[in-house]
Each structure stands twice: as C-alpha cells, then as structure tokens.
Protein backbone atom coordinates (compact mmCIF):
# COMPACT_ATOMS: atom_id res chain seq x y z
CA UNK A 1 0.02 -0.16 0.02
CA UNK A 2 2.75 2.54 1.25
CA UNK A 3 5.68 2.57 3.23
CA UNK A 4 4.99 2.49 6.93
CA UNK A 5 6.77 5.11 9.43
CA UNK A 6 7.14 3.91 12.81
CA UNK A 7 6.33 6.51 15.67
CA UNK A 8 7.26 6.37 19.32
CA UNK A 9 6.01 8.72 21.73
CA UNK A 10 9.06 11.02 22.74
CA UNK A 11 7.98 11.56 26.07
CA UNK A 12 5.58 10.22 28.79
CA UNK A 13 3.29 13.16 27.55
CA UNK A 14 0.99 11.20 25.21
CA UNK A 15 -1.27 14.23 24.50
CA UNK A 16 1.50 15.97 22.69
CA UNK A 17 2.37 12.51 20.97
CA UNK A 18 -1.45 12.13 19.96
CA UNK A 19 -1.97 15.64 19.12
CA UNK A 20 0.61 15.24 16.40
CA UNK A 21 -1.79 12.68 14.23
CA UNK A 22 -3.49 14.06 11.31
CA UNK A 23 -6.74 13.56 9.57
CA UNK A 24 -6.52 10.61 7.19
CA UNK A 25 -3.91 8.71 9.47
CA UNK A 26 -4.05 4.88 9.85
CA UNK A 27 -2.09 4.09 12.76
CA UNK A 28 -1.62 0.67 14.33
CA UNK A 29 0.28 -0.64 17.46
CA UNK A 30 1.24 -4.38 18.09
CA UNK A 31 1.31 -4.73 21.86
CA UNK A 32 2.70 -7.19 24.11
CA UNK A 33 0.54 -6.28 27.23
CA UNK A 34 -3.01 -4.36 27.79
CA UNK A 35 -1.38 -1.80 30.36
CA UNK A 36 0.69 -0.69 27.34
CA UNK A 37 -1.91 -0.81 25.06
CA UNK A 38 -4.40 1.19 27.47
CA UNK A 39 -1.90 3.89 27.98
CA UNK A 40 -1.79 4.63 24.19
CA UNK A 41 -5.70 4.20 23.77
CA UNK A 42 -6.31 6.71 26.66
CA UNK A 43 -3.87 9.01 25.01
CA UNK A 44 -5.51 8.85 21.93
CA UNK A 45 -9.07 9.04 22.89
CA UNK A 46 -8.63 11.78 25.76
CA UNK A 47 -6.39 13.73 23.39
CA UNK A 48 -9.16 13.99 21.07
CA UNK A 49 -12.07 14.52 23.41
CA UNK A 50 -9.84 17.50 25.24
CA UNK A 51 -9.09 18.94 21.62
CA UNK A 52 -12.83 19.03 20.85
CA UNK A 53 -12.83 15.87 18.32
CA UNK A 54 -15.55 13.53 18.29
CA UNK A 55 -14.06 10.03 19.29
CA UNK A 56 -15.47 6.68 18.46
CA UNK A 57 -14.11 3.45 19.97
CA UNK A 58 -15.19 0.05 18.91
CA UNK A 59 -13.33 -2.49 21.63
CA UNK A 60 -13.94 -5.24 23.67
CA UNK A 61 -16.20 -4.64 26.73
CA UNK A 62 -13.06 -5.12 29.02
CA UNK A 63 -11.05 -2.74 27.14
CA UNK A 64 -14.00 -0.20 27.19
CA UNK A 65 -14.63 -0.65 30.74
CA UNK A 66 -10.72 0.08 31.46
CA UNK A 67 -10.73 2.87 29.40
CA UNK A 68 -13.90 4.75 30.91
CA UNK A 69 -12.15 4.21 34.44
CA UNK A 70 -9.04 5.86 33.11
CA UNK A 71 -10.99 8.81 31.22
CA UNK A 72 -13.11 9.23 34.37
CA UNK A 73 -9.61 9.49 36.58
CA UNK A 74 -8.60 12.23 34.22
CA UNK A 75 -11.55 14.22 34.84
CA UNK A 76 -13.25 13.41 31.64
CA UNK A 77 -16.98 12.98 32.03
CA UNK A 78 -17.68 10.39 29.91
CA UNK A 79 -21.26 10.26 30.42
CA UNK A 80 -21.65 13.95 29.01
CA UNK A 81 -19.29 13.35 26.29
CA UNK A 82 -21.39 10.31 25.23
CA UNK A 83 -24.51 12.45 25.23
CA UNK A 84 -23.37 14.89 23.10
CA UNK A 85 -22.02 12.26 20.52
CA UNK A 86 -18.46 13.26 21.22
CA UNK A 87 -17.49 9.98 22.53
CA UNK A 88 -19.27 6.84 21.25
CA UNK A 89 -18.20 3.56 22.54
CA UNK A 90 -19.48 0.39 20.71
CA UNK A 91 -18.92 -3.25 21.65
CA UNK A 92 -16.59 -4.61 18.89
CA UNK A 93 -18.18 -8.13 18.49
CA UNK A 94 -21.57 -6.46 18.17
CA UNK A 95 -20.31 -4.09 15.71
CA UNK A 96 -18.83 -6.90 13.58
CA UNK A 97 -22.22 -8.83 13.60
CA UNK A 98 -23.75 -5.85 11.57
CA UNK A 99 -21.43 -6.28 8.75
CA UNK A 100 -19.71 -9.71 8.46
CA UNK A 101 -21.56 -12.07 6.05
CA UNK A 102 -20.22 -15.61 5.71
CA UNK A 103 -17.08 -14.72 7.58
CA UNK A 104 -16.50 -11.76 5.25
CA UNK A 105 -16.77 -7.77 5.56
CA UNK A 106 -19.76 -6.62 3.63
CA UNK A 107 -18.71 -3.57 1.81
CA UNK A 108 -21.88 -1.86 1.83
CA UNK A 109 -23.25 -2.86 5.12
CA UNK A 110 -19.76 -1.80 6.78
CA UNK A 111 -20.13 1.53 4.91
CA UNK A 112 -23.44 2.23 5.92
CA UNK A 113 -23.06 1.38 9.54
CA UNK A 114 -19.69 2.94 10.14
CA UNK A 115 -20.37 6.18 8.21
CA UNK A 116 -23.70 6.51 10.44
CA UNK A 117 -21.49 6.41 13.32
CA UNK A 118 -18.80 8.69 12.00
CA UNK A 119 -21.86 11.27 11.26
CA UNK A 120 -23.00 11.36 14.79
CA UNK A 121 -19.24 12.17 15.91
CA UNK A 122 -18.85 14.58 13.44
CA UNK A 123 -21.87 16.63 15.14
CA UNK A 124 -21.20 20.39 14.73
CA UNK A 125 -18.43 20.04 12.26
CA UNK A 126 -16.20 18.23 14.35
CA UNK A 127 -12.79 16.45 13.50
CA UNK A 128 -13.07 12.74 14.38
CA UNK A 129 -10.80 9.86 15.74
CA UNK A 130 -11.75 6.45 15.58
CA UNK A 131 -10.26 3.24 17.39
CA UNK A 132 -11.25 -0.37 16.09
CA UNK A 133 -10.59 -3.60 17.93
CA UNK A 134 -12.76 -5.52 15.46
CA UNK A 135 -9.79 -6.19 13.06
CA UNK A 136 -7.92 -7.98 15.98
CA UNK A 137 -10.63 -10.15 16.95
CA UNK A 138 -11.09 -11.36 13.32
CA UNK A 139 -7.19 -12.19 13.49
CA UNK A 140 -7.74 -13.91 16.35
CA UNK A 141 -10.26 -16.00 15.15
CA UNK A 142 -7.84 -17.08 12.23
CA UNK A 143 -9.92 -15.17 9.67
CA UNK A 144 -6.83 -13.39 8.34
CA UNK A 145 -8.11 -12.50 5.17
CA UNK A 146 -11.11 -10.86 6.23
CA UNK A 147 -8.90 -8.98 8.73
CA UNK A 148 -6.90 -7.52 5.64
CA UNK A 149 -10.11 -6.58 3.93
CA UNK A 150 -11.45 -5.13 7.09
CA UNK A 151 -8.18 -2.97 7.38
CA UNK A 152 -8.57 -1.94 3.33
CA UNK A 153 -12.45 -0.90 3.84
CA UNK A 154 -11.32 1.19 7.03
CA UNK A 155 -8.42 2.81 5.29
CA UNK A 156 -10.49 3.73 2.24
CA UNK A 157 -13.24 5.28 4.58
CA UNK A 158 -10.41 7.03 6.35
CA UNK A 159 -9.10 8.65 3.46
CA UNK A 160 -12.68 9.60 1.96
CA UNK A 161 -13.82 11.17 5.31
CA UNK A 162 -10.70 12.37 6.48
CA UNK A 163 -10.80 11.06 10.14
CA UNK A 164 -7.60 9.73 12.08
CA UNK A 165 -7.94 5.96 12.54
CA UNK A 166 -6.07 3.79 15.29
CA UNK A 167 -6.20 0.05 15.57
CA UNK A 168 -4.29 -2.58 17.88
CA UNK A 169 -3.51 -6.44 18.05
CA UNK A 170 -2.15 -8.12 20.96
CA UNK A 171 1.22 -9.65 19.97
CA UNK A 172 0.12 -13.15 21.21
CA UNK A 173 -2.27 -13.20 18.13
CA UNK A 174 0.43 -13.57 15.88
CA UNK A 175 1.42 -17.48 16.15
CA UNK A 176 2.05 -18.50 12.55
CA UNK A 177 5.35 -16.97 11.09
CA UNK A 178 4.61 -13.99 13.54
CA UNK A 179 7.25 -11.48 11.64
CA UNK A 180 5.76 -12.23 8.19
CA UNK A 181 2.05 -11.67 9.78
CA UNK A 182 3.04 -8.30 11.70
CA UNK A 183 4.54 -7.05 8.33
CA UNK A 184 1.32 -7.78 6.53
CA UNK A 185 -0.74 -6.05 9.04
CA UNK A 186 1.86 -2.91 9.38
CA UNK A 187 1.78 -2.75 5.85
CA UNK A 188 -1.96 -1.87 5.56
CA UNK A 189 -1.33 1.18 8.10
CA UNK A 190 0.43 4.50 7.28
CA UNK A 191 2.25 4.37 10.83
CA UNK A 192 3.32 1.85 13.65
CA UNK A 193 3.10 3.19 17.10
CA UNK A 194 5.92 1.49 19.15
C-alpha cells in the first residue's frame, strides 16, 4: 500500500504525541500487554476529547470498561461526552455482527453502519478520531483474509472522510510466522506506534 513510518512517543506526555496525528492517518500498535495498549488508547481518546474532536471507540467490553475508568480518573465526564456524541463507545463483537456475512466484511453494510457512526461523531463539524479493535478479533479467530479486507475498507473510508484511525493487535495473536504476519498488518497502515 505505502511505506509505513514507525512512531514512538517522545516523552511520557502522550497528549503531545497524539496531538500530532493528522486526519487520514491510519495507525497501528502491536502490543505485548494490555497496560501499554491502554496507555496508548487513553492518550488517543483523551487527546481527542480534550481537543474537541469526536471520538469513536469500537473495542471489547473489558477494554471499554478500563478506558472509561481511565478517562474518568482524568476528569473527563464520559456520560456527558457520550450524550453529546463526542464519545461513542461500541462493543467490537456486536459491531462486527452488523456487517460480517459468511465470515467476510460486506462492503456496503460496513460503509453504511460506520458512516452513520462517524456522522454522529462529527456533530457540529468536529474532527473525528476512531479506534477499532474488530480487526484484532477477526485475526484472533484465524480469519486473516477478512482482517486484511476490513483494514482496507477502514483505510478507504478514512481517506474519503478525513478522520484519523487507530488499530491495535495483541502480539500473542501472531502465532504462525509472526514476523511475516506482523509485516502484513503493518503494511496496511500509514504509521506503527511502538
């Protein structure tokens, strides 16, 4: 697709790091433990909310719960942000069920569903950031071709609608020829967050 740039937060101040992402960026993180991943997700989401962006998070219930706790500890009122459609949190498995047909992402169903969520997040002309964990779920199920297809659908929508997109995969999910698999995933993104 294109060459992938590797990014690493220059300092513990992740707001500055996440403040430097641009619309149409498609980032990925391959993580070894949930703590590191949740630090990144918290910075991405909190940075967006504090900047006035609309933020869509499609994640597992465990990660959504942990993220909400972290945001609340930062003083972000998750309930108010949700009421204003500035923070939209969706269950990844349930969201997948809206557009996966015969273990394959249906282009039209995906576009219609995700575009409607993005439209809500854009309310009042906000920029949008989105995080998706659905690809990691497909990958963990061994549905690698559908994972790559979904990454391409996200990437196309990201380019068309000018929002930044962050994906994450647990390192433990890369069991067969891990180096080649990780390269395949990284090649579908514009930047890798280390």
